[in-house]
Amino acid sequence: MCAAVIDAATRTEIAGSCLTIASGDQVLAARKIGLVASEAESSSMACASGSIVVISLPTAMGRRQEIDASLTRSAMKWTFFDAHTQLLEPLLSYDAGEAKRHAGFALSRQQIAVYSSHYAVLHRFTEDGSDDDFIFVLEDDVILDQDFPVQEFASKCLSMGMHFVKLFAKSVTPMSHIGFFYDRDLVRYHRSPCGAQAYIVSRDGAHQFVKKLSRIAMPIDVAMDRFWESELPLYGIFPYPVIERFSATQIPIPSLGQDLTRRDRWVWLGNRAIDKVCRVAANQKLNTSDQLIRQAAGNFSQITDTNVGGARANTR
């Protein structure tokens, strides 16, 4: 059963407060204008609308066939986005020196292309004129649990003001438990777990990323996870409904800290220290909203045949 849809007027009204960590009480702001519905109210409201976007190279025929086989029965709209092979998104800029001072290395051509691809997907979503409340972005090297109720999950997240939610992460990092989705844990990450293989982003979230990430200074997954800058708290679900295939990488990662001048190294280390201070401060400010989300998210509940049947109806 889906949670309340966030309509366009409500999204506009909360954009200035609900997306700003510095303003505190993210969910409280949402509740004041009736954004977070009660369980009874949610049951009578329609699902949030959304679509699936799979980032994939046109030449990756094997991966495309596997994705097509897993999504062809989905009731959600889905499409391939032809991945970039270089910096093609016109709103983006890249400077190798800036990357060295922020990431500790100059990005590889493949990393820049991946950044350009994800940013282009987000930018297109902000301007597509559709009625979609969210997009579910996938890279093509993943395996998706076909019975996972993506639309219901996204509806619940959006109803609680969660605008960016990872459905897969590369690393285990410190996190806070903030509730349940059936028998799975909803969490807020305290630092980047890395990975942009699978995530849900609201239209407000996409606008925020487009505004904040136009200068390429680090890989896209790390940039999106910098919640103290993007003002989008970093949420996830565990166990993951999406996993990354065990396959050879096509995106080599440059060695950290090498090929830096003495000045660049000191600036990089200084930026890391500043980031840590900002991250710690942002996490402290989010403690109150974590408590409010716990109250709204509901309790642990086992998955029943009825739940699975509904999920299949929504995704096939």
Protein backbone atom coordinates (compact mmCIF):
# COMPACT_ATOMS: atom_id res chain seq x y z
CA MET A 1 0.00 0.00 0.00
CA CYS A 2 1.46 3.30 -1.06
CA ALA A 3 2.14 6.41 0.98
CA ALA A 4 0.90 9.88 0.16
CA VAL A 5 1.97 11.50 -3.08
CA ILE A 6 3.86 14.77 -2.82
CA ASP A 7 2.13 17.15 -5.18
CA ALA A 8 3.89 19.91 -7.10
CA ALA A 9 2.59 22.71 -4.87
CA THR A 10 3.81 20.98 -1.74
CA ARG A 11 7.22 20.32 -3.29
CA THR A 12 7.57 24.01 -4.06
CA GLU A 13 6.51 25.03 -0.58
CA ILE A 14 9.00 22.81 1.25
CA ALA A 15 11.96 23.21 -1.14
CA GLY A 16 13.54 25.99 0.91
CA SER A 17 13.25 24.27 4.28
CA CYS A 18 12.90 20.54 3.88
CA LEU A 19 16.03 20.27 1.73
CA THR A 20 18.26 22.44 3.93
CA ILE A 21 20.21 20.68 6.65
CA ALA A 22 21.04 23.98 8.34
CA SER A 23 17.33 24.65 8.91
CA GLY A 24 17.04 21.50 11.07
CA ASP A 25 13.88 19.40 11.63
CA GLN A 26 13.42 18.21 8.07
CA VAL A 27 10.44 16.01 8.80
CA LEU A 28 8.94 18.48 11.27
CA ALA A 29 8.80 21.08 8.52
CA ALA A 30 7.05 18.55 6.32
CA ARG A 31 4.56 17.63 9.01
CA LYS A 32 3.61 21.26 9.63
CA ILE A 33 2.20 21.47 6.11
CA GLY A 34 0.67 17.99 6.20
CA LEU A 35 3.32 16.30 4.06
CA VAL A 36 3.72 13.26 6.31
CA ALA A 37 0.43 11.40 6.29
CA SER A 38 -0.76 9.06 9.00
CA GLU A 39 -0.90 5.35 8.22
CA ALA A 40 -4.67 5.54 7.83
CA GLU A 41 -4.48 8.54 5.53
CA SER A 42 -1.71 6.94 3.47
CA SER A 43 -3.79 3.85 2.80
CA SER A 44 -6.37 5.85 0.87
CA MET A 45 -3.93 7.78 -1.30
CA ALA A 46 -2.37 6.86 -4.61
CA CYS A 47 1.24 5.88 -5.17
CA ALA A 48 3.83 8.42 -6.15
CA SER A 49 4.53 8.14 -9.86
CA GLY A 50 7.96 7.37 -11.19
CA SER A 51 10.02 5.76 -13.92
CA ILE A 52 13.22 3.74 -14.23
CA VAL A 53 16.28 5.03 -16.08
CA VAL A 54 19.10 2.58 -16.88
CA ILE A 55 22.45 4.16 -17.74
CA SER A 56 24.15 1.93 -20.29
CA LEU A 57 26.58 2.20 -23.17
CA PRO A 58 24.85 1.51 -26.51
CA THR A 59 27.58 -1.04 -27.26
CA ALA A 60 26.98 -3.03 -24.04
CA MET A 61 24.56 -5.42 -25.72
CA GLY A 62 25.02 -8.27 -23.24
CA ARG A 63 24.26 -6.07 -20.24
CA ARG A 64 21.31 -4.48 -22.03
CA GLN A 65 19.82 -7.87 -22.78
CA GLU A 66 20.08 -8.88 -19.12
CA ILE A 67 18.48 -5.62 -17.95
CA ASP A 68 15.77 -5.92 -20.57
CA ALA A 69 14.96 -9.45 -19.38
CA SER A 70 14.63 -8.28 -15.77
CA LEU A 71 12.55 -5.15 -16.51
CA THR A 72 10.47 -6.13 -19.52
CA ARG A 73 7.53 -7.17 -17.32
CA SER A 74 7.67 -4.07 -15.13
CA ALA A 75 4.54 -1.95 -14.95
CA MET A 76 6.76 1.08 -14.32
CA LYS A 77 7.96 3.03 -17.31
CA TRP A 78 11.60 2.39 -18.03
CA THR A 79 14.16 3.37 -20.61
CA PHE A 80 17.84 3.14 -21.42
CA PHE A 81 19.94 6.28 -21.27
CA ASP A 82 22.89 6.08 -23.65
CA ALA A 83 25.89 6.54 -21.36
CA HIS A 84 28.41 9.21 -22.27
CA THR A 85 31.96 8.28 -23.21
CA GLN A 86 33.31 11.76 -22.47
CA LEU A 87 32.17 15.07 -20.95
CA LEU A 88 29.07 15.88 -22.99
CA GLU A 89 26.72 17.58 -20.51
CA PRO A 90 26.98 21.32 -21.33
CA LEU A 91 26.25 22.51 -17.79
CA LEU A 92 29.32 20.74 -16.40
CA SER A 93 32.91 21.96 -16.13
CA TYR A 94 36.05 20.06 -15.18
CA ASP A 95 39.49 21.20 -14.06
CA ALA A 96 42.12 18.57 -13.27
CA GLY A 97 43.84 20.85 -10.76
CA GLU A 98 40.61 21.37 -8.83
CA ALA A 99 40.01 17.62 -8.78
CA LYS A 100 43.47 17.00 -7.34
CA ARG A 101 42.82 19.51 -4.57
CA HIS A 102 39.44 17.98 -3.66
CA ALA A 103 39.62 14.29 -4.57
CA GLY A 104 43.36 13.77 -4.33
CA PHE A 105 43.70 12.76 -7.97
CA ALA A 106 42.78 13.83 -11.48
CA LEU A 107 39.73 11.94 -12.70
CA SER A 108 40.07 9.38 -15.46
CA ARG A 109 38.24 9.85 -18.74
CA GLN A 110 35.82 7.11 -17.71
CA GLN A 111 35.06 8.75 -14.37
CA ILE A 112 34.32 12.04 -16.09
CA ALA A 113 32.04 10.26 -18.57
CA VAL A 114 30.13 8.54 -15.73
CA TYR A 115 29.71 11.88 -13.97
CA SER A 116 28.43 13.44 -17.19
CA SER A 117 25.95 10.58 -17.67
CA HIS A 118 24.40 10.73 -14.20
CA TYR A 119 24.23 14.52 -14.22
CA ALA A 120 22.55 14.47 -17.64
CA VAL A 121 19.91 12.02 -16.36
CA LEU A 122 19.19 14.28 -13.39
CA HIS A 123 19.12 17.41 -15.55
CA ARG A 124 16.76 15.81 -18.05
CA PHE A 125 14.43 14.77 -15.22
CA THR A 126 14.19 18.37 -13.99
CA GLU A 127 13.09 19.55 -17.43
CA ASP A 128 11.10 16.64 -18.88
CA GLY A 129 7.68 18.10 -18.06
CA SER A 130 6.39 14.71 -16.89
CA ASP A 131 4.19 14.05 -13.87
CA ASP A 132 6.80 11.74 -12.33
CA ASP A 133 7.56 12.40 -8.67
CA PHE A 134 10.78 10.37 -8.76
CA ILE A 135 13.15 8.42 -10.96
CA PHE A 136 14.84 5.14 -10.12
CA VAL A 137 18.33 5.30 -11.62
CA LEU A 138 20.23 2.09 -12.34
CA GLU A 139 23.57 1.33 -13.90
CA ASP A 140 23.56 -1.68 -16.19
CA ASP A 141 25.84 -3.94 -14.12
CA VAL A 142 23.28 -4.76 -11.41
CA ILE A 143 20.79 -7.44 -10.47
CA LEU A 144 17.40 -6.20 -9.24
CA ASP A 145 15.01 -8.07 -6.96
CA GLN A 146 12.03 -8.11 -9.32
CA ASP A 147 9.55 -8.53 -6.47
CA PHE A 148 10.76 -5.47 -4.55
CA PRO A 149 7.92 -2.88 -4.59
CA VAL A 150 9.89 0.10 -5.88
CA GLN A 151 6.88 2.36 -6.31
CA GLU A 152 5.55 1.67 -2.83
CA PHE A 153 9.01 2.18 -1.32
CA ALA A 154 9.57 5.46 -3.17
CA SER A 155 6.13 6.67 -2.11
CA LYS A 156 6.92 6.03 1.53
CA CYS A 157 10.30 7.74 1.27
CA LEU A 158 8.94 10.82 -0.46
CA SER A 159 6.09 11.08 2.07
CA MET A 160 8.72 11.45 4.81
CA GLY A 161 10.83 14.00 2.94
CA MET A 162 13.55 11.53 1.90
CA HIS A 163 14.62 12.88 -1.49
CA PHE A 164 17.69 10.73 -2.18
CA VAL A 165 17.79 7.04 -1.23
CA LYS A 166 20.41 4.47 -2.17
CA LEU A 167 19.25 0.94 -2.99
CA PHE A 168 22.84 -0.28 -3.14
CA ALA A 169 26.15 0.88 -1.66
CA LYS A 170 29.74 -0.21 -2.08
CA SER A 171 30.90 0.07 1.53
CA VAL A 172 29.67 -0.30 5.09
CA THR A 173 29.94 3.07 6.84
CA PRO A 174 28.52 4.52 10.11
CA MET A 175 24.75 4.95 9.92
CA SER A 176 21.65 5.58 12.00
CA HIS A 177 18.65 3.27 11.97
CA ILE A 178 15.58 5.41 11.26
CA GLY A 179 12.78 2.91 10.69
CA PHE A 180 11.54 -0.03 8.68
CA PHE A 181 10.15 -0.85 5.28
CA TYR A 182 8.47 -4.16 6.09
CA ASP A 183 11.38 -6.24 7.47
CA ARG A 184 14.15 -4.11 5.98
CA ASP A 185 16.03 -1.36 7.74
CA LEU A 186 15.81 2.27 6.68
CA VAL A 187 19.09 4.01 7.46
CA ARG A 188 20.76 7.39 7.20
CA TYR A 189 24.44 7.24 6.36
CA HIS A 190 26.82 9.44 8.36
CA ARG A 191 29.44 9.36 5.61
CA SER A 192 29.68 8.23 2.01
CA PRO A 193 29.25 4.48 1.40
CA CYS A 194 30.10 5.16 -2.27
CA GLY A 195 28.38 3.70 -5.31
CA ALA A 196 25.83 5.15 -7.75
CA GLN A 197 24.60 1.84 -9.14
CA ALA A 198 21.03 2.20 -7.85
CA TYR A 199 19.21 5.13 -6.25
CA ILE A 200 15.84 6.85 -6.06
CA VAL A 201 15.76 10.62 -6.37
CA SER A 202 12.77 12.94 -6.17
CA ARG A 203 12.22 15.82 -8.54
CA ASP A 204 13.25 18.26 -5.79
CA GLY A 205 16.33 16.16 -5.14
CA ALA A 206 17.27 16.19 -8.82
CA HIS A 207 16.95 19.98 -8.91
CA GLN A 208 19.21 20.22 -5.88
CA PHE A 209 21.86 17.98 -7.43
CA VAL A 210 21.79 19.86 -10.73
CA LYS A 211 22.34 23.11 -8.85
CA LYS A 212 25.10 21.84 -6.57
CA LEU A 213 27.13 19.45 -8.75
CA SER A 214 27.90 21.44 -11.89
CA ARG A 215 31.67 21.53 -11.17
CA ILE A 216 33.35 18.13 -11.45
CA ALA A 217 35.87 17.80 -8.64
CA MET A 218 35.46 14.13 -7.66
CA PRO A 219 33.65 10.96 -8.84
CA ILE A 220 29.88 11.32 -9.12
CA ASP A 221 29.01 8.89 -6.31
CA VAL A 222 31.25 10.74 -3.86
CA ALA A 223 29.88 14.10 -4.98
CA MET A 224 26.25 12.98 -4.55
CA ASP A 225 27.02 11.60 -1.08
CA ARG A 226 28.30 14.95 0.26
CA PHE A 227 25.06 15.70 2.08
CA TRP A 228 26.53 18.64 3.98
CA GLU A 229 26.96 20.40 0.62
CA SER A 230 24.03 19.06 -1.39
CA GLU A 231 21.67 19.59 1.58
CA LEU A 232 20.16 16.19 0.79
CA PRO A 233 20.48 13.76 3.73
CA LEU A 234 21.89 10.42 2.60
CA TYR A 235 19.42 7.57 3.09
CA GLY A 236 19.44 3.88 2.25
CA ILE A 237 17.77 0.52 2.81
CA PHE A 238 19.29 -2.74 4.02
CA PRO A 239 19.39 -5.51 2.93
CA TYR A 240 19.79 -4.02 -0.54
CA PRO A 241 17.15 -4.87 -3.17
CA VAL A 242 19.86 -4.34 -5.81
CA ILE A 243 23.32 -5.89 -5.99
CA GLU A 244 26.26 -5.24 -8.28
CA ARG A 245 27.30 -8.06 -10.58
CA PHE A 246 30.73 -9.61 -10.09
CA SER A 247 32.21 -8.30 -13.31
CA ALA A 248 35.36 -6.59 -14.55
CA THR A 249 35.36 -2.84 -14.02
CA GLN A 250 35.32 -0.44 -16.93
CA ILE A 251 36.18 2.55 -14.73
CA PRO A 252 39.76 2.53 -13.43
CA ILE A 253 40.32 4.52 -10.24
CA PRO A 254 43.50 6.63 -10.15
CA SER A 255 45.89 6.24 -7.21
CA LEU A 256 44.99 8.49 -4.28
CA GLY A 257 47.45 11.23 -3.43
CA GLN A 258 49.92 10.55 -6.23
CA ASP A 259 51.09 13.11 -8.79
CA LEU A 260 50.26 15.99 -6.45
CA THR A 261 52.48 19.03 -6.02
CA ARG A 262 53.37 19.93 -2.43
CA ARG A 263 50.88 22.79 -2.54
CA ASP A 264 48.11 20.61 -3.97
CA ARG A 265 48.74 17.98 -1.29
CA TRP A 266 48.42 20.52 1.52
CA VAL A 267 45.25 21.97 0.00
CA TRP A 268 43.80 18.47 -0.45
CA LEU A 269 44.55 17.54 3.17
CA GLY A 270 43.08 20.85 4.33
CA ASN A 271 39.91 20.24 2.33
CA ARG A 272 39.57 16.78 3.87
CA ALA A 273 39.79 18.29 7.35
CA ILE A 274 37.17 20.94 6.51
CA ASP A 275 34.88 18.27 5.03
CA LYS A 276 35.12 16.23 8.22
CA VAL A 277 34.13 19.19 10.39
CA CYS A 278 31.21 20.03 8.10
CA ARG A 279 30.09 16.40 7.96
CA VAL A 280 30.12 16.02 11.74
CA ALA A 281 28.16 19.26 12.19
CA ALA A 282 25.58 18.23 9.59
CA ASN A 283 25.11 14.82 11.24
CA GLN A 284 24.46 16.49 14.59
CA LYS A 285 21.82 18.74 13.05
CA LEU A 286 20.07 15.73 11.52
CA ASN A 287 19.59 13.86 14.81
CA THR A 288 16.21 15.47 15.47
CA SER A 289 14.86 14.69 12.02
CA ASP A 290 16.06 11.09 12.46
CA GLN A 291 13.82 10.79 15.53
CA LEU A 292 10.84 12.22 13.69
CA ILE A 293 11.32 9.86 10.76
CA ARG A 294 11.42 6.94 13.20
CA GLN A 295 8.01 7.98 14.46
CA ALA A 296 6.62 8.22 10.92
CA ALA A 297 8.31 5.18 9.37
CA GLY A 298 6.41 2.52 11.27
CA ASN A 299 7.51 -0.74 12.85
CA PHE A 300 8.98 -4.01 11.69
CA SER A 301 6.52 -6.18 9.80
CA GLN A 302 7.00 -9.48 8.04
CA ILE A 303 6.30 -9.82 4.33
CA THR A 304 3.19 -11.87 3.61
CA ASP A 305 1.79 -13.49 0.48
CA THR A 306 -0.53 -10.50 0.14
CA ASN A 307 2.39 -8.07 0.14
CA VAL A 308 4.28 -10.05 -2.48
CA GLY A 309 1.18 -10.39 -4.61
CA GLY A 310 0.66 -6.63 -4.50
CA ALA A 311 4.28 -6.00 -5.34
CA ARG A 312 4.08 -8.27 -8.36
CA ALA A 313 0.96 -6.49 -9.54
CA ASN A 314 2.77 -3.16 -9.32
CA THR A 315 5.99 -4.22 -11.01
CA ARG A 316 4.93 -6.70 -13.71
